[in-house]
Amino acid sequence: MKIQPLGDRVLVEPLDEGEVKKGGIIIPDSAKEKPMEGKVISVGPGKRDDNGKMIPMNVKKGDKILLPKYGGTEVKIDDVEYQVVREDDILGIIES
């Protein structure tokens, strides 16, 4: 299955931060914080300004991005969890 986001939305695969241990105790998934980094899977065409002119997207497929802790819409495709967020909600692009 393939999803093409509309407007200024971005399909993001959250990146795992690995298993968290404190004092030798494994913390269950329900207690772990949500990942704040993700990989862009696909992007919409952009949004239109008040005059109808298309504003291009600043992110592209494959970019590693920084996300807010909460926000976006979670979707599950072929047993993989993704988030759909607006480009305005993306905090930044991580460059290595």
PDB file of N, CA and C in Angstrom:
ATOM      1  N   MET A   1       0.844  -1.179   0.000  1.00  0.00           N
ATOM      2  CA  MET A   1       0.000   0.000   0.000  1.00  0.00           C
ATOM      3  C   MET A   1       0.891   1.244   0.000  1.00  0.00           C
ATOM      4  N   LYS A   2       0.474   2.257  -0.718  1.00  0.00           N
ATOM      5  CA  LYS A   2       1.232   3.502  -0.807  1.00  0.00           C
ATOM      6  C   LYS A   2       0.304   4.653  -0.473  1.00  0.00           C
ATOM      7  N   ILE A   3       0.806   5.619   0.301  1.00  0.00           N
ATOM      8  CA  ILE A   3       0.011   6.800   0.649  1.00  0.00           C
ATOM      9  C   ILE A   3       0.723   8.039   0.135  1.00  0.00           C
ATOM     10  N   GLN A   4      -0.014   8.864  -0.590  1.00  0.00           N
ATOM     11  CA  GLN A   4       0.496  10.155  -1.049  1.00  0.00           C
ATOM     12  C   GLN A   4      -0.205  11.233  -0.237  1.00  0.00           C
ATOM     13  N   PRO A   5       0.519  11.915   0.665  1.00  0.00           N
ATOM     14  CA  PRO A   5      -0.107  12.972   1.462  1.00  0.00           C
ATOM     15  C   PRO A   5      -0.621  14.113   0.585  1.00  0.00           C
ATOM     16  N   LEU A   6      -1.653  14.779   1.061  1.00  0.00           N
ATOM     17  CA  LEU A   6      -2.228  15.915   0.353  1.00  0.00           C
ATOM     18  C   LEU A   6      -1.758  17.220   0.972  1.00  0.00           C
ATOM     19  N   GLY A   7      -1.788  18.286   0.182  1.00  0.00           N
ATOM     20  CA  GLY A   7      -1.443  19.618   0.680  1.00  0.00           C
ATOM     21  C   GLY A   7      -0.040  19.670   1.254  1.00  0.00           C
ATOM     22  N   ASP A   8       0.077  20.253   2.460  1.00  0.00           N
ATOM     23  CA  ASP A   8       1.388  20.408   3.079  1.00  0.00           C
ATOM     24  C   ASP A   8       1.640  19.341   4.144  1.00  0.00           C
ATOM     25  N   ARG A   9       1.076  18.152   3.936  1.00  0.00           N
ATOM     26  CA  ARG A   9       1.261  17.058   4.885  1.00  0.00           C
ATOM     27  C   ARG A   9       2.445  16.186   4.477  1.00  0.00           C
ATOM     28  N   VAL A  10       3.035  15.539   5.501  1.00  0.00           N
ATOM     29  CA  VAL A  10       4.225  14.719   5.310  1.00  0.00           C
ATOM     30  C   VAL A  10       4.004  13.384   6.006  1.00  0.00           C
ATOM     31  N   LEU A  11       4.319  12.272   5.331  1.00  0.00           N
ATOM     32  CA  LEU A  11       4.255  10.943   5.937  1.00  0.00           C
ATOM     33  C   LEU A  11       5.638  10.633   6.508  1.00  0.00           C
ATOM     34  N   VAL A  12       5.682  10.361   7.819  1.00  0.00           N
ATOM     35  CA  VAL A  12       6.955  10.193   8.533  1.00  0.00           C
ATOM     36  C   VAL A  12       6.988   8.834   9.218  1.00  0.00           C
ATOM     37  N   GLU A  13       8.128   8.164   9.121  1.00  0.00           N
ATOM     38  CA  GLU A  13       8.348   6.939   9.889  1.00  0.00           C
ATOM     39  C   GLU A  13       9.175   7.315  11.117  1.00  0.00           C
ATOM     40  N   PRO A  14       8.595   7.221  12.325  1.00  0.00           N
ATOM     41  CA  PRO A  14       9.356   7.553  13.538  1.00  0.00           C
ATOM     42  C   PRO A  14      10.551   6.613  13.682  1.00  0.00           C
ATOM     43  N   LEU A  15      11.694   7.159  14.110  1.00  0.00           N
ATOM     44  CA  LEU A  15      12.896   6.357  14.294  1.00  0.00           C
ATOM     45  C   LEU A  15      12.985   5.921  15.742  1.00  0.00           C
ATOM     46  N   ASP A  16      13.231   4.617  15.961  1.00  0.00           N
ATOM     47  CA  ASP A  16      13.373   4.087  17.311  1.00  0.00           C
ATOM     48  C   ASP A  16      14.660   4.587  17.935  1.00  0.00           C
ATOM     49  N   GLU A  17      14.578   4.877  19.231  1.00  0.00           N
ATOM     50  CA  GLU A  17      15.768   5.316  19.948  1.00  0.00           C
ATOM     51  C   GLU A  17      16.435   4.160  20.668  1.00  0.00           C
ATOM     52  N   GLY A  18      15.959   2.946  20.453  1.00  0.00           N
ATOM     53  CA  GLY A  18      16.521   1.781  21.114  1.00  0.00           C
ATOM     54  C   GLY A  18      15.816   1.543  22.432  1.00  0.00           C
ATOM     55  N   GLU A  19      16.139   0.412  23.035  1.00  0.00           N
ATOM     56  CA  GLU A  19      15.502   0.028  24.283  1.00  0.00           C
ATOM     57  C   GLU A  19      16.096   0.818  25.439  1.00  0.00           C
ATOM     58  N   VAL A  20      15.253   1.354  26.289  1.00  0.00           N
ATOM     59  CA  VAL A  20      15.695   2.185  27.398  1.00  0.00           C
ATOM     60  C   VAL A  20      15.756   1.352  28.670  1.00  0.00           C
ATOM     61  N   LYS A  21      16.900   1.393  29.373  1.00  0.00           N
ATOM     62  CA  LYS A  21      17.041   0.682  30.634  1.00  0.00           C
ATOM     63  C   LYS A  21      17.487   1.668  31.699  1.00  0.00           C
ATOM     64  N   LYS A  22      16.917   1.540  32.895  1.00  0.00           N
ATOM     65  CA  LYS A  22      17.339   2.364  34.021  1.00  0.00           C
ATOM     66  C   LYS A  22      17.555   1.450  35.198  1.00  0.00           C
ATOM     67  N   GLY A  23      18.763   1.417  35.730  1.00  0.00           N
ATOM     68  CA  GLY A  23      19.054   0.587  36.883  1.00  0.00           C
ATOM     69  C   GLY A  23      18.834  -0.888  36.618  1.00  0.00           C
ATOM     70  N   GLY A  24      19.033  -1.329  35.382  1.00  0.00           N
ATOM     71  CA  GLY A  24      18.874  -2.731  35.041  1.00  0.00           C
ATOM     72  C   GLY A  24      17.432  -3.153  34.813  1.00  0.00           C
ATOM     73  N   ILE A  25      16.489  -2.203  34.889  1.00  0.00           N
ATOM     74  CA  ILE A  25      15.077  -2.520  34.686  1.00  0.00           C
ATOM     75  C   ILE A  25      14.681  -2.113  33.268  1.00  0.00           C
ATOM     76  N   ILE A  26      14.058  -3.029  32.565  1.00  0.00           N
ATOM     77  CA  ILE A  26      13.598  -2.726  31.209  1.00  0.00           C
ATOM     78  C   ILE A  26      12.262  -2.004  31.321  1.00  0.00           C
ATOM     79  N   ILE A  27      12.189  -0.830  30.698  1.00  0.00           N
ATOM     80  CA  ILE A  27      10.977  -0.015  30.740  1.00  0.00           C
ATOM     81  C   ILE A  27      10.032  -0.495  29.641  1.00  0.00           C
ATOM     82  N   PRO A  28       8.756  -0.785  29.971  1.00  0.00           N
ATOM     83  CA  PRO A  28       7.823  -1.254  28.948  1.00  0.00           C
ATOM     84  C   PRO A  28       7.552  -0.184  27.901  1.00  0.00           C
ATOM     85  N   ASP A  29       7.120  -0.643  26.709  1.00  0.00           N
ATOM     86  CA  ASP A  29       6.840   0.268  25.601  1.00  0.00           C
ATOM     87  C   ASP A  29       5.851   1.360  25.983  1.00  0.00           C
ATOM     88  N   SER A  30       4.879   1.038  26.826  1.00  0.00           N
ATOM     89  CA  SER A  30       3.856   2.018  27.191  1.00  0.00           C
ATOM     90  C   SER A  30       4.428   3.173  28.011  1.00  0.00           C
ATOM     91  N   ALA A  31       5.577   2.981  28.655  1.00  0.00           N
ATOM     92  CA  ALA A  31       6.163   4.026  29.485  1.00  0.00           C
ATOM     93  C   ALA A  31       7.256   4.811  28.762  1.00  0.00           C
ATOM     94  N   LYS A  32       7.663   4.355  27.584  1.00  0.00           N
ATOM     95  CA  LYS A  32       8.710   5.051  26.836  1.00  0.00           C
ATOM     96  C   LYS A  32       8.157   6.311  26.205  1.00  0.00           C
ATOM     97  N   GLU A  33       9.003   7.323  26.098  1.00  0.00           N
ATOM     98  CA  GLU A  33       8.582   8.551  25.426  1.00  0.00           C
ATOM     99  C   GLU A  33       8.554   8.309  23.922  1.00  0.00           C
ATOM    100  N   LYS A  34       7.715   9.053  23.250  1.00  0.00           N
ATOM    101  CA  LYS A  34       7.624   8.932  21.796  1.00  0.00           C
ATOM    102  C   LYS A  34       8.923   9.433  21.167  1.00  0.00           C
ATOM    103  N   PRO A  35       9.344   8.806  20.063  1.00  0.00           N
ATOM    104  CA  PRO A  35      10.545   9.291  19.372  1.00  0.00           C
ATOM    105  C   PRO A  35      10.323  10.689  18.814  1.00  0.00           C
ATOM    106  N   MET A  36      11.376  11.478  18.811  1.00  0.00           N
ATOM    107  CA  MET A  36      11.267  12.840  18.315  1.00  0.00           C
ATOM    108  C   MET A  36      11.974  13.005  16.981  1.00  0.00           C
ATOM    109  N   GLU A  37      12.505  11.909  16.448  1.00  0.00           N
ATOM    110  CA  GLU A  37      13.145  11.958  15.142  1.00  0.00           C
ATOM    111  C   GLU A  37      12.382  11.041  14.201  1.00  0.00           C
ATOM    112  N   GLY A  38      12.398  11.380  12.922  1.00  0.00           N
ATOM    113  CA  GLY A  38      11.720  10.549  11.951  1.00  0.00           C
ATOM    114  C   GLY A  38      12.324  10.692  10.578  1.00  0.00           C
ATOM    115  N   LYS A  39      11.951   9.765   9.717  1.00  0.00           N
ATOM    116  CA  LYS A  39      12.420   9.780   8.327  1.00  0.00           C
ATOM    117  C   LYS A  39      11.222  10.060   7.436  1.00  0.00           C
ATOM    118  N   VAL A  40      11.375  11.015   6.519  1.00  0.00           N
ATOM    119  CA  VAL A  40      10.297  11.382   5.602  1.00  0.00           C
ATOM    120  C   VAL A  40      10.136  10.276   4.562  1.00  0.00           C
ATOM    121  N   ILE A  41       8.918   9.727   4.477  1.00  0.00           N
ATOM    122  CA  ILE A  41       8.610   8.671   3.521  1.00  0.00           C
ATOM    123  C   ILE A  41       8.024   9.266   2.244  1.00  0.00           C
ATOM    124  N   SER A  42       7.110  10.216   2.382  1.00  0.00           N
ATOM    125  CA  SER A  42       6.560  10.915   1.210  1.00  0.00           C
ATOM    126  C   SER A  42       6.015  12.272   1.636  1.00  0.00           C
ATOM    127  N   VAL A  43       5.911  13.178   0.681  1.00  0.00           N
ATOM    128  CA  VAL A  43       5.432  14.538   0.955  1.00  0.00           C
ATOM    129  C   VAL A  43       4.331  14.921  -0.022  1.00  0.00           C
ATOM    130  N   GLY A  44       3.461  15.800   0.433  1.00  0.00           N
ATOM    131  CA  GLY A  44       2.422  16.335  -0.432  1.00  0.00           C
ATOM    132  C   GLY A  44       3.007  17.380  -1.368  1.00  0.00           C
ATOM    133  N   PRO A  45       2.187  17.911  -2.267  1.00  0.00           N
ATOM    134  CA  PRO A  45       2.670  18.882  -3.250  1.00  0.00           C
ATOM    135  C   PRO A  45       2.972  20.258  -2.667  1.00  0.00           C
ATOM    136  N   GLY A  46       2.447  20.562  -1.485  1.00  0.00           N
ATOM    137  CA  GLY A  46       2.630  21.885  -0.880  1.00  0.00           C
ATOM    138  C   GLY A  46       1.287  22.539  -0.660  1.00  0.00           C
ATOM    139  N   LYS A  47       1.305  23.755  -0.117  1.00  0.00           N
ATOM    140  CA  LYS A  47       0.031  24.447   0.088  1.00  0.00           C
ATOM    141  C   LYS A  47      -0.011  25.702  -0.771  1.00  0.00           C
ATOM    142  N   ARG A  48      -1.185  26.243  -0.883  1.00  0.00           N
ATOM    143  CA  ARG A  48      -1.372  27.448  -1.694  1.00  0.00           C
ATOM    144  C   ARG A  48      -1.489  28.664  -0.790  1.00  0.00           C
ATOM    145  N   ASP A  49      -0.928  29.791  -1.260  1.00  0.00           N
ATOM    146  CA  ASP A  49      -1.058  31.035  -0.500  1.00  0.00           C
ATOM    147  C   ASP A  49      -2.405  31.683  -0.812  1.00  0.00           C
ATOM    148  N   ASP A  50      -2.638  32.866  -0.284  1.00  0.00           N
ATOM    149  CA  ASP A  50      -3.921  33.553  -0.468  1.00  0.00           C
ATOM    150  C   ASP A  50      -4.222  33.898  -1.926  1.00  0.00           C
ATOM    151  N   ASN A  51      -3.190  33.994  -2.752  1.00  0.00           N
ATOM    152  CA  ASN A  51      -3.365  34.315  -4.172  1.00  0.00           C
ATOM    153  C   ASN A  51      -3.468  33.069  -5.052  1.00  0.00           C
ATOM    154  N   GLY A  52      -3.409  31.878  -4.437  1.00  0.00           N
ATOM    155  CA  GLY A  52      -3.511  30.639  -5.192  1.00  0.00           C
ATOM    156  C   GLY A  52      -2.183  30.114  -5.703  1.00  0.00           C
ATOM    157  N   LYS A  53      -1.075  30.787  -5.372  1.00  0.00           N
ATOM    158  CA  LYS A  53       0.243  30.344  -5.816  1.00  0.00           C
ATOM    159  C   LYS A  53       0.721  29.192  -4.926  1.00  0.00           C
ATOM    160  N   MET A  54       1.272  28.148  -5.546  1.00  0.00           N
ATOM    161  CA  MET A  54       1.744  26.972  -4.814  1.00  0.00           C
ATOM    162  C   MET A  54       3.048  27.291  -4.076  1.00  0.00           C
ATOM    163  N   ILE A  55       3.087  26.988  -2.780  1.00  0.00           N
ATOM    164  CA  ILE A  55       4.292  27.151  -1.971  1.00  0.00           C
ATOM    165  C   ILE A  55       4.946  25.775  -1.879  1.00  0.00           C
ATOM    166  N   PRO A  56       6.163  25.607  -2.411  1.00  0.00           N
ATOM    167  CA  PRO A  56       6.794  24.287  -2.410  1.00  0.00           C
ATOM    168  C   PRO A  56       7.182  23.837  -0.996  1.00  0.00           C
ATOM    169  N   MET A  57       7.343  22.527  -0.837  1.00  0.00           N
ATOM    170  CA  MET A  57       7.718  21.940   0.451  1.00  0.00           C
ATOM    171  C   MET A  57       9.210  22.145   0.709  1.00  0.00           C
ATOM    172  N   ASN A  58       9.573  22.293   1.990  1.00  0.00           N
ATOM    173  CA  ASN A  58      10.976  22.442   2.384  1.00  0.00           C
ATOM    174  C   ASN A  58      11.639  21.103   2.685  1.00  0.00           C
ATOM    175  N   VAL A  59      10.839  20.056   2.900  1.00  0.00           N
ATOM    176  CA  VAL A  59      11.391  18.733   3.165  1.00  0.00           C
ATOM    177  C   VAL A  59      11.162  17.847   1.954  1.00  0.00           C
ATOM    178  N   LYS A  60      11.974  16.804   1.854  1.00  0.00           N
ATOM    179  CA  LYS A  60      11.839  15.870   0.728  1.00  0.00           C
ATOM    180  C   LYS A  60      11.976  14.445   1.241  1.00  0.00           C
ATOM    181  N   LYS A  61      11.593  13.503   0.427  1.00  0.00           N
ATOM    182  CA  LYS A  61      11.670  12.089   0.772  1.00  0.00           C
ATOM    183  C   LYS A  61      13.099  11.741   1.186  1.00  0.00           C
ATOM    184  N   GLY A  62      13.235  11.027   2.303  1.00  0.00           N
ATOM    185  CA  GLY A  62      14.547  10.603   2.786  1.00  0.00           C
ATOM    186  C   GLY A  62      15.149  11.509   3.839  1.00  0.00           C
ATOM    187  N   ASP A  63      14.626  12.743   4.007  1.00  0.00           N
ATOM    188  CA  ASP A  63      15.145  13.651   5.028  1.00  0.00           C
ATOM    189  C   ASP A  63      14.920  13.077   6.417  1.00  0.00           C
ATOM    190  N   LYS A  64      15.879  13.292   7.311  1.00  0.00           N
ATOM    191  CA  LYS A  64      15.721  12.943   8.723  1.00  0.00           C
ATOM    192  C   LYS A  64      15.292  14.229   9.425  1.00  0.00           C
ATOM    193  N   ILE A  65      14.165  14.173  10.136  1.00  0.00           N
ATOM    194  CA  ILE A  65      13.586  15.397  10.695  1.00  0.00           C
ATOM    195  C   ILE A  65      13.377  15.295  12.201  1.00  0.00           C
ATOM    196  N   LEU A  66      13.192  16.443  12.808  1.00  0.00           N
ATOM    197  CA  LEU A  66      12.903  16.555  14.229  1.00  0.00           C
ATOM    198  C   LEU A  66      11.434  16.896  14.379  1.00  0.00           C
ATOM    199  N   LEU A  67      10.724  16.092  15.171  1.00  0.00           N
ATOM    200  CA  LEU A  67       9.283  16.245  15.356  1.00  0.00           C
ATOM    201  C   LEU A  67       8.959  16.707  16.769  1.00  0.00           C
ATOM    202  N   PRO A  68       7.827  17.365  16.954  1.00  0.00           N
ATOM    203  CA  PRO A  68       7.387  17.674  18.314  1.00  0.00           C
ATOM    204  C   PRO A  68       7.005  16.370  19.021  1.00  0.00           C
ATOM    205  N   LYS A  69       7.052  16.375  20.348  1.00  0.00           N
ATOM    206  CA  LYS A  69       6.759  15.168  21.113  1.00  0.00           C
ATOM    207  C   LYS A  69       5.346  14.662  20.850  1.00  0.00           C
ATOM    208  N   TYR A  70       4.399  15.576  20.733  1.00  0.00           N
ATOM    209  CA  TYR A  70       3.017  15.191  20.495  1.00  0.00           C
ATOM    210  C   TYR A  70       2.507  15.915  19.259  1.00  0.00           C
ATOM    211  N   GLY A  71       1.633  15.287  18.524  1.00  0.00           N
ATOM    212  CA  GLY A  71       1.070  15.916  17.344  1.00  0.00           C
ATOM    213  C   GLY A  71       1.039  14.961  16.176  1.00  0.00           C
ATOM    214  N   GLY A  72       0.387  15.364  15.134  1.00  0.00           N
ATOM    215  CA  GLY A  72       0.262  14.521  13.961  1.00  0.00           C
ATOM    216  C   GLY A  72      -0.796  13.450  14.155  1.00  0.00           C
ATOM    217  N   THR A  73      -0.991  12.662  13.134  1.00  0.00           N
ATOM    218  CA  THR A  73      -1.962  11.575  13.163  1.00  0.00           C
ATOM    219  C   THR A  73      -1.224  10.273  12.922  1.00  0.00           C
ATOM    220  N   GLU A  74      -1.401   9.320  13.828  1.00  0.00           N
ATOM    221  CA  GLU A  74      -0.744   8.032  13.671  1.00  0.00           C
ATOM    222  C   GLU A  74      -1.557   7.157  12.727  1.00  0.00           C
ATOM    223  N   VAL A  75      -0.857   6.500  11.788  1.00  0.00           N
ATOM    224  CA  VAL A  75      -1.490   5.559  10.867  1.00  0.00           C
ATOM    225  C   VAL A  75      -0.641   4.294  10.822  1.00  0.00           C
ATOM    226  N   LYS A  76      -1.285   3.170  10.536  1.00  0.00           N
ATOM    227  CA  LYS A  76      -0.574   1.905  10.453  1.00  0.00           C
ATOM    228  C   LYS A  76      -0.772   1.341   9.049  1.00  0.00           C
ATOM    229  N   ILE A  77       0.344   1.095   8.353  1.00  0.00           N
ATOM    230  CA  ILE A  77       0.313   0.573   6.994  1.00  0.00           C
ATOM    231  C   ILE A  77       1.173  -0.685   6.965  1.00  0.00           C
ATOM    232  N   ASP A  78       0.577  -1.815   6.613  1.00  0.00           N
ATOM    233  CA  ASP A  78       1.309  -3.089   6.551  1.00  0.00           C
ATOM    234  C   ASP A  78       2.078  -3.356   7.839  1.00  0.00           C
ATOM    235  N   ASP A  79       1.433  -3.167   8.978  1.00  0.00           N
ATOM    236  CA  ASP A  79       1.991  -3.407  10.313  1.00  0.00           C
ATOM    237  C   ASP A  79       3.161  -2.487  10.674  1.00  0.00           C
ATOM    238  N   VAL A  80       3.327  -1.392   9.966  1.00  0.00           N
ATOM    239  CA  VAL A  80       4.350  -0.386  10.293  1.00  0.00           C
ATOM    240  C   VAL A  80       3.623   0.895  10.673  1.00  0.00           C
ATOM    241  N   GLU A  81       4.037   1.498  11.807  1.00  0.00           N
ATOM    242  CA  GLU A  81       3.384   2.720  12.263  1.00  0.00           C
ATOM    243  C   GLU A  81       4.080   3.948  11.678  1.00  0.00           C
ATOM    244  N   TYR A  82       3.277   4.887  11.202  1.00  0.00           N
ATOM    245  CA  TYR A  82       3.750   6.141  10.633  1.00  0.00           C
ATOM    246  C   TYR A  82       2.997   7.291  11.294  1.00  0.00           C
ATOM    247  N   GLN A  83       3.467   8.505  11.062  1.00  0.00           N
ATOM    248  CA  GLN A  83       2.759   9.704  11.477  1.00  0.00           C
ATOM    249  C   GLN A  83       2.566  10.586  10.256  1.00  0.00           C
ATOM    250  N   VAL A  84       1.398  11.211  10.184  1.00  0.00           N
ATOM    251  CA  VAL A  84       1.144  12.211   9.156  1.00  0.00           C
ATOM    252  C   VAL A  84       1.113  13.556   9.873  1.00  0.00           C
ATOM    253  N   VAL A  85       2.042  14.453   9.495  1.00  0.00           N
ATOM    254  CA  VAL A  85       2.150  15.762  10.136  1.00  0.00           C
ATOM    255  C   VAL A  85       2.127  16.858   9.076  1.00  0.00           C
ATOM    256  N   ARG A  86       1.742  18.036   9.489  1.00  0.00           N
ATOM    257  CA  ARG A  86       1.835  19.199   8.598  1.00  0.00           C
ATOM    258  C   ARG A  86       3.293  19.669   8.584  1.00  0.00           C
ATOM    259  N   GLU A  87       3.697  20.212   7.470  1.00  0.00           N
ATOM    260  CA  GLU A  87       5.077  20.693   7.371  1.00  0.00           C
ATOM    261  C   GLU A  87       5.353  21.759   8.428  1.00  0.00           C
ATOM    262  N   ASP A  88       4.374  22.577   8.767  1.00  0.00           N
ATOM    263  CA  ASP A  88       4.555  23.613   9.784  1.00  0.00           C
ATOM    264  C   ASP A  88       4.888  23.030  11.158  1.00  0.00           C
ATOM    265  N   ASP A  89       4.485  21.772  11.414  1.00  0.00           N
ATOM    266  CA  ASP A  89       4.735  21.140  12.697  1.00  0.00           C
ATOM    267  C   ASP A  89       6.140  20.563  12.812  1.00  0.00           C
ATOM    268  N   ILE A  90       6.843  20.407  11.706  1.00  0.00           N
ATOM    269  CA  ILE A  90       8.203  19.874  11.716  1.00  0.00           C
ATOM    270  C   ILE A  90       9.136  20.940  12.280  1.00  0.00           C
ATOM    271  N   LEU A  91       9.942  20.534  13.279  1.00  0.00           N
ATOM    272  CA  LEU A  91      10.820  21.487  13.954  1.00  0.00           C
ATOM    273  C   LEU A  91      12.102  21.771  13.196  1.00  0.00           C
ATOM    274  N   GLY A  92      12.582  20.806  12.434  1.00  0.00           N
ATOM    275  CA  GLY A  92      13.813  21.027  11.680  1.00  0.00           C
ATOM    276  C   GLY A  92      14.262  19.786  10.941  1.00  0.00           C
ATOM    277  N   ILE A  93      15.230  19.964  10.055  1.00  0.00           N
ATOM    278  CA  ILE A  93      15.845  18.874   9.297  1.00  0.00           C
ATOM    279  C   ILE A  93      17.177  18.581   9.963  1.00  0.00           C
ATOM    280  N   ILE A  94      17.428  17.301  10.243  1.00  0.00           N
ATOM    281  CA  ILE A  94      18.678  16.885  10.887  1.00  0.00           C
ATOM    282  C   ILE A  94      19.691  16.574   9.784  1.00  0.00           C
ATOM    283  N   GLU A  95      20.813  17.280   9.827  1.00  0.00           N
ATOM    284  CA  GLU A  95      21.866  17.066   8.836  1.00  0.00           C
ATOM    285  C   GLU A  95      23.026  16.349   9.520  1.00  0.00           C
ATOM    286  N   SER A  96      23.604  15.372   8.823  1.00  0.00           N
ATOM    287  CA  SER A  96      24.719  14.657   9.430  1.00  0.00           C
ATOM    288  C   SER A  96      26.014  14.901   8.727  1.00  0.00           C
TER     289      SER A  96
END
